N, C-alpha and C. Protein backbone atom coordinates (compact mmCIF):
# COMPACT_ATOMS: atom_id res chain seq x y z
N MET A 1 58.82 242.98 168.14
CA MET A 1 57.76 242.04 168.48
C MET A 1 57.77 240.80 167.95
N LYS A 2 57.88 240.84 166.67
CA LYS A 2 57.67 239.76 165.57
C LYS A 2 58.82 238.91 166.11
N THR A 3 60.33 239.35 166.32
CA THR A 3 61.18 238.48 166.63
C THR A 3 61.04 237.79 167.83
N ASN A 4 60.47 238.59 168.80
CA ASN A 4 60.15 237.97 170.10
C ASN A 4 59.19 236.84 169.87
N SER A 5 58.31 237.15 169.30
CA SER A 5 57.19 236.12 169.28
C SER A 5 57.71 234.92 168.44
N SER A 6 58.43 235.07 167.40
CA SER A 6 58.89 233.80 166.56
C SER A 6 59.92 233.04 167.47
N ASP A 7 60.72 233.86 168.39
CA ASP A 7 61.72 233.24 169.06
C ASP A 7 61.01 232.47 170.21
N SER A 8 59.77 232.84 170.73
CA SER A 8 59.07 231.89 171.91
C SER A 8 58.48 230.98 171.07
N LEU A 9 58.07 230.84 170.02
CA LEU A 9 57.41 229.88 169.30
C LEU A 9 58.49 228.66 168.85
N TYR A 10 59.71 229.23 168.64
CA TYR A 10 60.73 228.29 168.32
C TYR A 10 61.24 227.59 169.68
N HIS A 11 61.18 228.36 170.64
CA HIS A 11 61.48 227.85 172.03
C HIS A 11 60.30 226.78 172.23
N ALA A 12 59.01 227.11 172.03
CA ALA A 12 57.97 226.07 172.42
C ALA A 12 58.18 224.89 171.48
N LEU A 13 58.67 224.99 170.15
CA LEU A 13 59.17 223.57 169.52
C LEU A 13 60.02 222.91 170.27
N ASP A 14 61.17 223.44 170.83
CA ASP A 14 62.18 222.80 171.46
C ASP A 14 61.54 222.21 172.71
N LEU A 15 60.62 222.83 173.37
CA LEU A 15 59.68 222.25 174.49
C LEU A 15 58.93 220.94 174.13
N CYS A 16 58.34 221.01 172.90
CA CYS A 16 57.84 219.85 172.33
C CYS A 16 58.95 218.69 172.21
N ALA A 17 59.99 218.88 171.87
CA ALA A 17 60.87 217.75 171.62
C ALA A 17 61.38 217.30 172.99
N SER A 18 61.43 218.25 173.99
CA SER A 18 61.77 217.80 175.21
C SER A 18 60.39 217.17 176.13
N ASN A 19 59.39 216.99 175.40
CA ASN A 19 58.30 216.50 176.17
C ASN A 19 57.51 217.20 177.21
N ASN A 20 57.73 218.61 177.01
CA ASN A 20 57.23 219.58 177.88
C ASN A 20 55.99 220.31 177.19
N PHE A 21 54.82 219.59 176.80
CA PHE A 21 53.96 219.87 175.98
C PHE A 21 52.93 220.81 176.62
N GLU A 22 52.90 220.82 177.93
CA GLU A 22 51.92 221.98 178.51
C GLU A 22 52.57 223.39 178.39
N ARG A 23 53.63 223.48 178.70
CA ARG A 23 54.56 224.84 178.49
C ARG A 23 54.33 225.28 176.95
N ALA A 24 54.69 224.40 176.21
CA ALA A 24 54.61 224.77 174.75
C ALA A 24 53.14 225.14 174.32
N LEU A 25 52.11 224.30 174.70
CA LEU A 25 50.95 224.88 174.53
C LEU A 25 50.70 226.17 175.01
N ALA A 26 50.80 226.35 176.24
CA ALA A 26 50.62 227.89 176.88
C ALA A 26 51.45 228.91 175.98
N ILE A 27 52.47 228.92 175.58
CA ILE A 27 53.38 229.48 174.74
C ILE A 27 52.49 229.74 173.32
N ALA A 28 52.18 228.79 172.77
CA ALA A 28 51.41 228.84 171.48
C ALA A 28 50.16 229.59 171.60
N ASP A 29 49.41 229.35 172.74
CA ASP A 29 48.25 230.07 173.13
C ASP A 29 48.36 231.48 173.46
N GLN A 30 49.35 231.76 174.00
CA GLN A 30 49.54 233.07 174.10
C GLN A 30 50.02 233.97 172.91
N SER A 31 50.74 233.15 172.08
CA SER A 31 51.02 233.75 170.70
C SER A 31 49.65 233.98 169.78
N LEU A 32 48.96 233.10 169.94
CA LEU A 32 47.73 233.21 169.17
C LEU A 32 46.68 234.40 169.74
N ALA A 33 46.87 234.54 170.94
CA ALA A 33 46.05 235.51 171.55
C ALA A 33 46.43 236.98 170.97
N SER A 34 47.68 237.29 170.43
CA SER A 34 48.19 238.38 170.08
C SER A 34 48.36 238.42 168.74
N VAL A 35 48.24 237.58 168.01
CA VAL A 35 48.26 237.59 166.38
C VAL A 35 47.34 236.22 165.78
N SER A 36 46.39 236.78 164.83
CA SER A 36 45.56 235.85 164.46
C SER A 36 45.76 235.27 162.96
N THR A 37 46.51 236.22 162.31
CA THR A 37 46.87 235.65 160.90
C THR A 37 48.23 235.91 160.43
N GLY A 38 48.95 235.26 159.47
CA GLY A 38 50.26 235.53 159.01
C GLY A 38 50.93 234.14 159.40
N GLU A 39 52.45 234.52 159.22
CA GLU A 39 53.38 233.35 159.62
C GLU A 39 53.44 233.05 160.96
N LEU A 40 53.29 233.96 161.96
CA LEU A 40 53.35 233.54 163.36
C LEU A 40 52.14 232.92 163.76
N ALA A 41 51.02 233.00 163.19
CA ALA A 41 49.80 232.30 163.67
C ALA A 41 49.78 230.98 163.12
N THR A 42 50.34 230.71 161.86
CA THR A 42 50.66 229.49 161.30
C THR A 42 51.67 228.62 162.23
N LEU A 43 52.58 229.20 162.47
CA LEU A 43 53.65 228.57 163.55
C LEU A 43 53.05 228.12 164.75
N ALA A 44 52.37 229.03 165.28
CA ALA A 44 51.63 228.80 166.59
C ALA A 44 50.73 227.82 166.49
N HIS A 45 49.97 227.77 165.46
CA HIS A 45 49.02 226.62 165.15
C HIS A 45 49.72 225.28 165.08
N ARG A 46 50.79 225.26 164.36
CA ARG A 46 51.51 224.09 164.31
C ARG A 46 52.19 223.69 165.57
N VAL A 47 52.68 224.52 166.37
CA VAL A 47 53.22 224.29 167.71
C VAL A 47 52.16 223.55 168.68
N ARG A 48 50.84 224.38 168.55
CA ARG A 48 49.72 224.02 169.26
C ARG A 48 49.23 222.40 169.13
N GLY A 49 49.21 222.20 167.50
CA GLY A 49 48.87 220.92 167.28
C GLY A 49 50.02 219.70 167.75
N LEU A 50 51.23 220.08 167.60
CA LEU A 50 52.17 219.20 168.34
C LEU A 50 52.23 219.04 169.71
N ALA A 51 52.02 219.97 170.25
CA ALA A 51 51.73 219.99 171.83
C ALA A 51 50.51 219.04 172.36
N LEU A 52 49.44 219.28 171.72
CA LEU A 52 48.21 218.64 171.75
C LEU A 52 48.26 217.08 171.35
N SER A 53 48.91 216.76 170.35
CA SER A 53 48.99 215.32 170.03
C SER A 53 50.28 214.81 170.86
N GLY A 54 51.19 215.63 171.13
CA GLY A 54 52.19 214.96 172.11
C GLY A 54 51.62 214.61 173.45
N ASN A 55 50.72 215.45 173.93
CA ASN A 55 50.42 214.80 175.38
C ASN A 55 49.12 214.17 175.34
N GLY A 56 48.65 213.65 173.97
CA GLY A 56 47.65 212.69 173.91
C GLY A 56 46.09 213.16 173.87
N THR A 57 46.10 214.59 173.83
CA THR A 57 44.69 215.28 173.62
C THR A 57 44.14 214.81 172.29
N ILE A 58 45.03 214.91 171.37
CA ILE A 58 44.50 214.54 169.96
C ILE A 58 45.28 213.44 169.28
N ARG A 59 44.76 212.69 168.43
CA ARG A 59 45.80 211.77 167.99
C ARG A 59 45.57 211.90 166.17
């Protein structure tokens, strides 16, 4: 499970780099629904922040 989750989050980072912020945000939110602490949660929060800032929701 951990590998799949981290792979998904790294894919979400790639999506941010491709300006596909909505999909990246969905992946990050899905990850946060299943894990609330630890390395994966930290990565998910980072992806979420990138996605939100990338689509102009936060600056």
